[in-house]
Amino acid sequence: MKLNVTPTRQEVLMDHADIIISKTDLTGRITYVNRTFMRIADFSEPEVLGIQHNIVRHPDMPRGAFKLLWDTLKQEHEFFGYVKNLTSKGDYYWVFANITPDRDSSGKIVGYFSVRRKPSAEAVKTMQGIYQEMLNVERSAGTANAASASVDFLQAKLKSLGTTYDKFILSL
């Protein structure tokens, strides 16, 4: 289900004590959200359980950011990133996300566990610029190649800075 709201320019600010937690199945359908998720994203639990987590995806987020996220998770690695999310009313909020595979007692991956915290203002400012560049690359590349083109752009940018994605993100 895609959220059918018009994005506003109203930011919902997280408190430093806020921790947003959610869990999904292997396809990204929400299986659990905590009260902080519901309060900040302005959704009730019944509105989101069983729904794709991208219900909170803000249109200012490049597709390449999520390609990188899913490619990392499919390699069974944890992912760190800065994400601009959308509330049910169209407002937005920024998070610093850590997403890890969720394993059952035998070690089999059964879904993903995400913990999000308030990001620093400096990190958000840096990522806004990078995401805008990625969105420009995506527009130029066309729909079919958008996500891959913006990931390639990001990787080339990081290489020119002499760093990797993880080192860069964790340094912000």
Protein backbone atom coordinates (compact mmCIF):
# COMPACT_ATOMS: atom_id res chain seq x y z
CA MET A 1 0.00 0.00 0.00
CA LYS A 2 1.42 3.35 -1.02
CA LEU A 3 0.67 6.29 1.22
CA ASN A 4 -1.53 8.74 -0.71
CA VAL A 5 -0.67 12.06 0.93
CA THR A 6 0.96 15.21 -0.30
CA PRO A 7 4.27 15.83 1.46
CA THR A 8 4.34 18.95 3.60
CA ARG A 9 7.32 20.99 4.71
CA GLN A 10 6.52 20.27 8.35
CA GLU A 11 9.24 18.35 10.16
CA VAL A 12 8.51 16.10 13.12
CA LEU A 13 11.54 16.35 15.37
CA MET A 14 12.64 13.31 17.27
CA ASP A 15 13.91 13.62 20.81
CA HIS A 16 17.35 12.22 21.62
CA ALA A 17 15.64 9.64 23.85
CA ASP A 18 13.36 8.42 21.02
CA ILE A 19 14.12 5.00 19.59
CA ILE A 20 11.95 3.81 16.71
CA ILE A 21 11.81 0.03 16.34
CA SER A 22 10.17 -2.08 13.68
CA LYS A 23 10.45 -5.57 12.32
CA THR A 24 9.58 -6.88 8.87
CA ASP A 25 9.36 -10.19 7.12
CA LEU A 26 11.78 -11.05 4.30
CA THR A 27 9.76 -9.03 1.79
CA GLY A 28 9.62 -5.86 3.89
CA ARG A 29 6.10 -6.28 5.28
CA ILE A 30 5.82 -4.87 8.80
CA THR A 31 5.38 -7.46 11.55
CA TYR A 32 6.05 -5.22 14.56
CA VAL A 33 6.27 -1.52 15.42
CA ASN A 34 6.86 0.11 18.78
CA ARG A 35 4.86 2.97 20.25
CA THR A 36 7.51 5.49 19.24
CA PHE A 37 7.12 4.46 15.59
CA MET A 38 3.35 4.89 15.86
CA ARG A 39 3.65 8.27 17.59
CA ILE A 40 6.21 9.81 15.23
CA ALA A 41 4.91 8.32 11.96
CA ASP A 42 1.32 8.89 13.12
CA PHE A 43 0.04 5.41 12.31
CA SER A 44 -1.84 2.97 14.49
CA GLU A 45 -0.60 -0.59 14.72
CA PRO A 46 -3.50 -2.03 12.65
CA GLU A 47 -2.76 0.51 9.90
CA VAL A 48 0.79 -0.77 9.37
CA LEU A 49 0.95 -4.46 10.33
CA GLY A 50 1.24 -6.53 7.17
CA ILE A 51 1.94 -3.43 5.06
CA GLN A 52 5.18 -2.80 3.17
CA HIS A 53 7.60 -0.71 5.24
CA ASN A 54 7.93 1.68 2.31
CA ILE A 55 4.61 3.16 3.44
CA VAL A 56 6.82 5.75 5.19
CA ARG A 57 9.13 6.34 2.22
CA HIS A 58 9.46 10.04 1.49
CA PRO A 59 9.70 11.05 -2.20
CA ASP A 60 12.89 13.00 -1.42
CA MET A 61 14.65 9.67 -0.88
CA PRO A 62 16.48 8.32 -3.92
CA ARG A 63 15.63 4.81 -5.07
CA GLY A 64 19.32 4.02 -5.01
CA ALA A 65 19.43 4.42 -1.23
CA PHE A 66 16.97 1.56 -0.87
CA LYS A 67 18.72 -0.55 -3.51
CA LEU A 68 21.89 -0.21 -1.45
CA LEU A 69 19.95 -1.12 1.70
CA TRP A 70 18.41 -4.27 0.19
CA ASP A 71 21.65 -5.34 -1.53
CA THR A 72 23.43 -5.07 1.83
CA LEU A 73 20.75 -7.05 3.67
CA LYS A 74 20.71 -9.77 0.99
CA GLN A 75 24.42 -10.25 1.68
CA GLU A 76 23.40 -10.87 5.32
CA HIS A 77 25.15 -7.70 6.51
CA GLU A 78 23.73 -4.97 8.70
CA PHE A 79 22.92 -1.62 7.12
CA PHE A 80 23.41 1.87 8.48
CA GLY A 81 21.91 4.91 6.81
CA TYR A 82 20.17 8.23 7.09
CA VAL A 83 16.55 8.21 5.94
CA LYS A 84 13.90 10.86 5.46
CA ASN A 85 10.51 9.31 6.25
CA LEU A 86 6.93 10.40 5.67
CA THR A 87 4.18 10.49 8.29
CA SER A 88 0.55 9.60 7.64
CA LYS A 89 -0.22 13.33 7.34
CA GLY A 90 2.59 14.09 4.89
CA ASP A 91 5.01 15.57 7.42
CA TYR A 92 8.57 14.22 7.50
CA TYR A 93 11.16 13.05 9.98
CA TRP A 94 14.81 12.11 9.64
CA VAL A 95 16.33 9.02 11.25
CA PHE A 96 19.67 7.31 11.58
CA ALA A 97 18.77 3.69 10.85
CA ASN A 98 20.46 0.43 11.71
CA ILE A 99 18.85 -2.57 10.03
CA THR A 100 19.95 -6.12 10.78
CA PRO A 101 18.82 -9.57 9.72
CA ASP A 102 16.45 -11.19 12.24
CA ARG A 103 17.27 -14.88 12.70
CA ASP A 104 15.27 -17.73 14.17
CA SER A 105 16.75 -20.21 16.67
CA SER A 106 18.38 -22.22 13.88
CA GLY A 107 20.10 -19.14 12.44
CA LYS A 108 17.83 -18.82 9.41
CA ILE A 109 16.98 -15.23 8.45
CA VAL A 110 13.24 -14.71 8.93
CA GLY A 111 13.06 -10.96 8.53
CA TYR A 112 14.71 -7.70 9.46
CA PHE A 113 14.96 -5.67 12.65
CA SER A 114 15.33 -1.89 12.40
CA VAL A 115 16.32 0.56 15.12
CA ARG A 116 16.20 4.27 14.31
CA ARG A 117 17.49 7.21 16.32
CA LYS A 118 17.60 10.96 15.96
CA PRO A 119 20.36 11.95 13.52
CA SER A 120 22.67 14.89 13.95
CA ALA A 121 21.76 18.06 12.07
CA GLU A 122 25.16 18.00 10.32
CA ALA A 123 24.59 14.46 9.06
CA VAL A 124 21.14 15.37 7.73
CA LYS A 125 22.55 18.41 5.92
CA THR A 126 25.28 16.29 4.33
CA MET A 127 22.86 13.56 3.28
CA GLN A 128 20.31 16.02 1.86
CA GLY A 129 22.93 17.21 -0.60
CA ILE A 130 24.01 13.70 -1.54
CA TYR A 131 20.42 12.50 -1.91
CA GLN A 132 19.60 15.46 -4.14
CA GLU A 133 22.56 14.54 -6.37
CA MET A 134 21.38 10.92 -6.45
CA LEU A 135 17.85 12.02 -7.38
CA ASN A 136 19.26 14.12 -10.24
CA VAL A 137 21.21 11.09 -11.49
CA GLU A 138 18.05 8.96 -11.25
CA ARG A 139 16.03 11.46 -13.30
CA SER A 140 18.71 11.47 -16.00
CA ALA A 141 19.04 7.69 -16.03
CA GLY A 142 15.33 6.95 -16.47
CA THR A 143 13.11 4.69 -14.44
CA ALA A 144 14.60 1.34 -15.44
CA ASN A 145 18.18 2.30 -14.55
CA ALA A 146 17.55 4.91 -11.84
CA ALA A 147 18.42 2.92 -8.72
CA SER A 148 21.57 1.34 -10.14
CA ALA A 149 22.76 4.64 -11.64
CA SER A 150 22.44 6.49 -8.35
CA VAL A 151 24.21 3.70 -6.41
CA ASP A 152 27.03 3.82 -8.98
CA PHE A 153 27.17 7.61 -8.57
CA LEU A 154 27.34 7.30 -4.78
CA GLN A 155 30.05 4.63 -4.90
CA ALA A 156 32.14 6.75 -7.30
CA LYS A 157 31.70 9.80 -5.06
CA LEU A 158 32.81 7.84 -1.99
CA LYS A 159 35.77 6.37 -3.87
CA SER A 160 36.87 9.88 -4.88
CA LEU A 161 36.74 10.80 -1.17
CA GLY A 162 38.90 7.77 -0.36
CA THR A 163 36.27 6.06 1.76
CA THR A 164 33.62 3.37 1.76
CA TYR A 165 29.90 3.72 2.36
CA ASP A 166 30.02 2.32 5.90
CA LYS A 167 33.03 4.41 6.93
CA PHE A 168 31.43 7.55 5.51
CA ILE A 169 28.02 7.00 7.14
CA LEU A 170 29.50 6.11 10.51
CA SER A 171 31.75 9.18 10.41
CA LEU A 172 28.83 11.63 10.14
